[in-house]
Amino acid sequence: SKTKGHLFFTTSHFDGYPAVLVRASHLDELDRVTLVEVIADAWLSRSSKRVADRLAENPIWPRII
């Protein structure tokens, strides 16, 4: 079975750029929970520790999902 890793990709053009690239041809395989988790993880990797700590105490993802 495939992991969800095949849904995402990168190219050298986007190296160092804060982006999450999703294969459009596989969007039907991507559930909302996975998309929210990937975007949240990517965003948290770029946020300040203060903001990340605050969100860890009061996560917004359950309200989005």
N, C-alpha and C. Protein backbone atom coordinates (compact mmCIF):
# COMPACT_ATOMS: atom_id res chain seq x y z
N SER A 1 0.84 -1.19 0.00
CA SER A 1 0.00 0.00 0.00
C SER A 1 0.88 1.25 0.00
N LYS A 2 0.34 2.29 -0.57
CA LYS A 2 1.09 3.55 -0.65
C LYS A 2 0.95 4.34 0.64
N THR A 3 1.99 5.08 0.97
CA THR A 3 1.88 6.03 2.06
C THR A 3 1.34 7.32 1.47
N LYS A 4 0.94 8.23 2.30
CA LYS A 4 0.43 9.51 1.80
C LYS A 4 1.55 10.39 1.25
N GLY A 5 2.80 9.94 1.42
CA GLY A 5 3.94 10.69 0.92
C GLY A 5 3.92 10.88 -0.58
N HIS A 6 3.27 9.98 -1.31
CA HIS A 6 3.21 10.12 -2.77
C HIS A 6 2.32 11.29 -3.20
N LEU A 7 1.56 11.85 -2.26
CA LEU A 7 0.66 12.97 -2.57
C LEU A 7 1.42 14.29 -2.66
N PHE A 8 2.57 14.36 -2.01
CA PHE A 8 3.32 15.60 -1.90
C PHE A 8 4.64 15.49 -2.64
N PHE A 9 5.16 16.62 -3.05
CA PHE A 9 6.42 16.60 -3.79
C PHE A 9 7.12 17.94 -3.65
N THR A 10 8.32 18.00 -4.17
CA THR A 10 9.05 19.26 -4.23
C THR A 10 9.88 19.26 -5.51
N THR A 11 10.34 20.41 -5.88
CA THR A 11 11.25 20.55 -7.01
C THR A 11 12.37 21.48 -6.57
N SER A 12 13.46 21.48 -7.29
CA SER A 12 14.58 22.35 -6.92
C SER A 12 14.17 23.82 -6.96
N HIS A 13 13.20 24.15 -7.79
CA HIS A 13 12.71 25.53 -7.88
C HIS A 13 12.17 26.02 -6.53
N PHE A 14 11.58 25.11 -5.75
CA PHE A 14 10.98 25.48 -4.48
C PHE A 14 11.88 25.20 -3.28
N ASP A 15 13.12 24.78 -3.48
CA ASP A 15 14.03 24.55 -2.37
C ASP A 15 14.16 25.81 -1.53
N GLY A 16 13.94 25.67 -0.23
CA GLY A 16 14.06 26.81 0.68
C GLY A 16 12.84 27.70 0.73
N TYR A 17 11.83 27.42 -0.09
CA TYR A 17 10.61 28.23 -0.11
C TYR A 17 9.57 27.56 0.77
N PRO A 18 8.90 28.32 1.63
CA PRO A 18 7.93 27.71 2.55
C PRO A 18 6.62 27.35 1.83
N ALA A 19 6.62 26.22 1.16
CA ALA A 19 5.44 25.80 0.40
C ALA A 19 5.19 24.31 0.61
N VAL A 20 3.94 23.93 0.55
CA VAL A 20 3.54 22.53 0.54
C VAL A 20 2.95 22.27 -0.83
N LEU A 21 3.59 21.42 -1.61
CA LEU A 21 3.13 21.12 -2.96
C LEU A 21 2.38 19.79 -2.95
N VAL A 22 1.17 19.81 -3.51
CA VAL A 22 0.31 18.64 -3.56
C VAL A 22 0.10 18.26 -5.02
N ARG A 23 0.20 16.98 -5.32
CA ARG A 23 -0.03 16.52 -6.68
C ARG A 23 -1.52 16.61 -7.01
N ALA A 24 -1.88 17.48 -7.95
CA ALA A 24 -3.28 17.67 -8.34
C ALA A 24 -3.91 16.37 -8.82
N SER A 25 -3.12 15.52 -9.45
CA SER A 25 -3.65 14.26 -9.96
C SER A 25 -4.05 13.29 -8.85
N HIS A 26 -3.66 13.59 -7.60
CA HIS A 26 -3.99 12.71 -6.48
C HIS A 26 -4.86 13.41 -5.43
N LEU A 27 -5.44 14.55 -5.76
CA LEU A 27 -6.24 15.27 -4.77
C LEU A 27 -7.40 14.44 -4.24
N ASP A 28 -7.94 13.56 -5.06
CA ASP A 28 -9.05 12.73 -4.61
C ASP A 28 -8.63 11.74 -3.52
N GLU A 29 -7.34 11.53 -3.34
CA GLU A 29 -6.82 10.63 -2.31
C GLU A 29 -6.51 11.37 -1.00
N LEU A 30 -6.58 12.67 -1.02
CA LEU A 30 -6.18 13.48 0.12
C LEU A 30 -7.39 13.82 0.97
N ASP A 31 -7.39 13.33 2.20
CA ASP A 31 -8.50 13.66 3.09
C ASP A 31 -8.21 14.97 3.81
N ARG A 32 -9.25 15.58 4.31
CA ARG A 32 -9.14 16.90 4.94
C ARG A 32 -8.22 16.87 6.17
N VAL A 33 -8.29 15.82 6.96
CA VAL A 33 -7.46 15.73 8.16
C VAL A 33 -5.98 15.75 7.80
N THR A 34 -5.60 14.96 6.80
CA THR A 34 -4.20 14.93 6.37
C THR A 34 -3.76 16.29 5.86
N LEU A 35 -4.58 16.93 5.06
CA LEU A 35 -4.23 18.25 4.52
C LEU A 35 -4.05 19.26 5.65
N VAL A 36 -4.95 19.29 6.60
CA VAL A 36 -4.83 20.21 7.73
C VAL A 36 -3.56 19.92 8.52
N GLU A 37 -3.25 18.65 8.77
CA GLU A 37 -2.04 18.29 9.52
C GLU A 37 -0.77 18.73 8.79
N VAL A 38 -0.72 18.52 7.50
CA VAL A 38 0.47 18.89 6.72
C VAL A 38 0.65 20.40 6.70
N ILE A 39 -0.42 21.12 6.47
CA ILE A 39 -0.33 22.59 6.45
C ILE A 39 0.03 23.11 7.83
N ALA A 40 -0.58 22.57 8.88
CA ALA A 40 -0.28 23.01 10.24
C ALA A 40 1.18 22.73 10.60
N ASP A 41 1.67 21.55 10.28
CA ASP A 41 3.08 21.22 10.55
C ASP A 41 4.02 22.15 9.81
N ALA A 42 3.70 22.42 8.54
CA ALA A 42 4.54 23.32 7.75
C ALA A 42 4.53 24.73 8.35
N TRP A 43 3.36 25.18 8.73
CA TRP A 43 3.23 26.52 9.30
C TRP A 43 3.98 26.61 10.63
N LEU A 44 3.80 25.59 11.48
CA LEU A 44 4.48 25.60 12.78
C LEU A 44 5.99 25.55 12.63
N SER A 45 6.48 24.93 11.58
CA SER A 45 7.93 24.88 11.38
C SER A 45 8.50 26.26 11.06
N ARG A 46 7.66 27.19 10.65
CA ARG A 46 8.10 28.54 10.30
C ARG A 46 7.71 29.58 11.36
N SER A 47 6.86 29.21 12.30
CA SER A 47 6.38 30.18 13.28
C SER A 47 7.38 30.36 14.41
N SER A 48 7.15 31.40 15.20
CA SER A 48 8.01 31.62 16.36
C SER A 48 7.68 30.57 17.43
N LYS A 49 8.62 30.34 18.33
CA LYS A 49 8.39 29.38 19.41
C LYS A 49 7.22 29.83 20.28
N ARG A 50 7.10 31.13 20.51
CA ARG A 50 6.01 31.66 21.33
C ARG A 50 4.65 31.32 20.72
N VAL A 51 4.51 31.54 19.42
CA VAL A 51 3.25 31.25 18.74
C VAL A 51 2.99 29.74 18.73
N ALA A 52 4.03 28.96 18.45
CA ALA A 52 3.88 27.50 18.43
C ALA A 52 3.46 26.98 19.80
N ASP A 53 4.06 27.51 20.87
CA ASP A 53 3.70 27.09 22.22
C ASP A 53 2.25 27.46 22.53
N ARG A 54 1.83 28.64 22.13
CA ARG A 54 0.45 29.07 22.36
C ARG A 54 -0.53 28.15 21.63
N LEU A 55 -0.20 27.81 20.39
CA LEU A 55 -1.08 26.93 19.63
C LEU A 55 -1.08 25.51 20.17
N ALA A 56 0.03 25.08 20.76
CA ALA A 56 0.08 23.75 21.37
C ALA A 56 -0.87 23.68 22.56
N GLU A 57 -1.02 24.80 23.27
CA GLU A 57 -1.92 24.86 24.42
C GLU A 57 -3.38 24.96 23.99
N ASN A 58 -3.65 25.59 22.84
CA ASN A 58 -5.01 25.81 22.37
C ASN A 58 -5.06 25.61 20.86
N PRO A 59 -4.97 24.35 20.41
CA PRO A 59 -4.91 24.11 18.96
C PRO A 59 -6.20 24.51 18.25
N ILE A 60 -6.04 25.05 17.06
CA ILE A 60 -7.21 25.44 16.27
C ILE A 60 -7.61 24.36 15.27
N TRP A 61 -6.73 23.37 15.04
CA TRP A 61 -7.01 22.39 13.98
C TRP A 61 -8.31 21.65 14.19
N PRO A 62 -8.67 21.22 15.42
CA PRO A 62 -9.95 20.51 15.55
C PRO A 62 -11.14 21.36 15.09
N ARG A 63 -11.05 22.66 15.24
CA ARG A 63 -12.15 23.53 14.80
C ARG A 63 -12.17 23.65 13.28
N ILE A 64 -11.01 23.49 12.64
CA ILE A 64 -10.94 23.57 11.18
C ILE A 64 -11.46 22.29 10.56
N ILE A 65 -11.09 21.17 11.16
CA ILE A 65 -11.45 19.86 10.60
C ILE A 65 -12.92 19.65 10.80
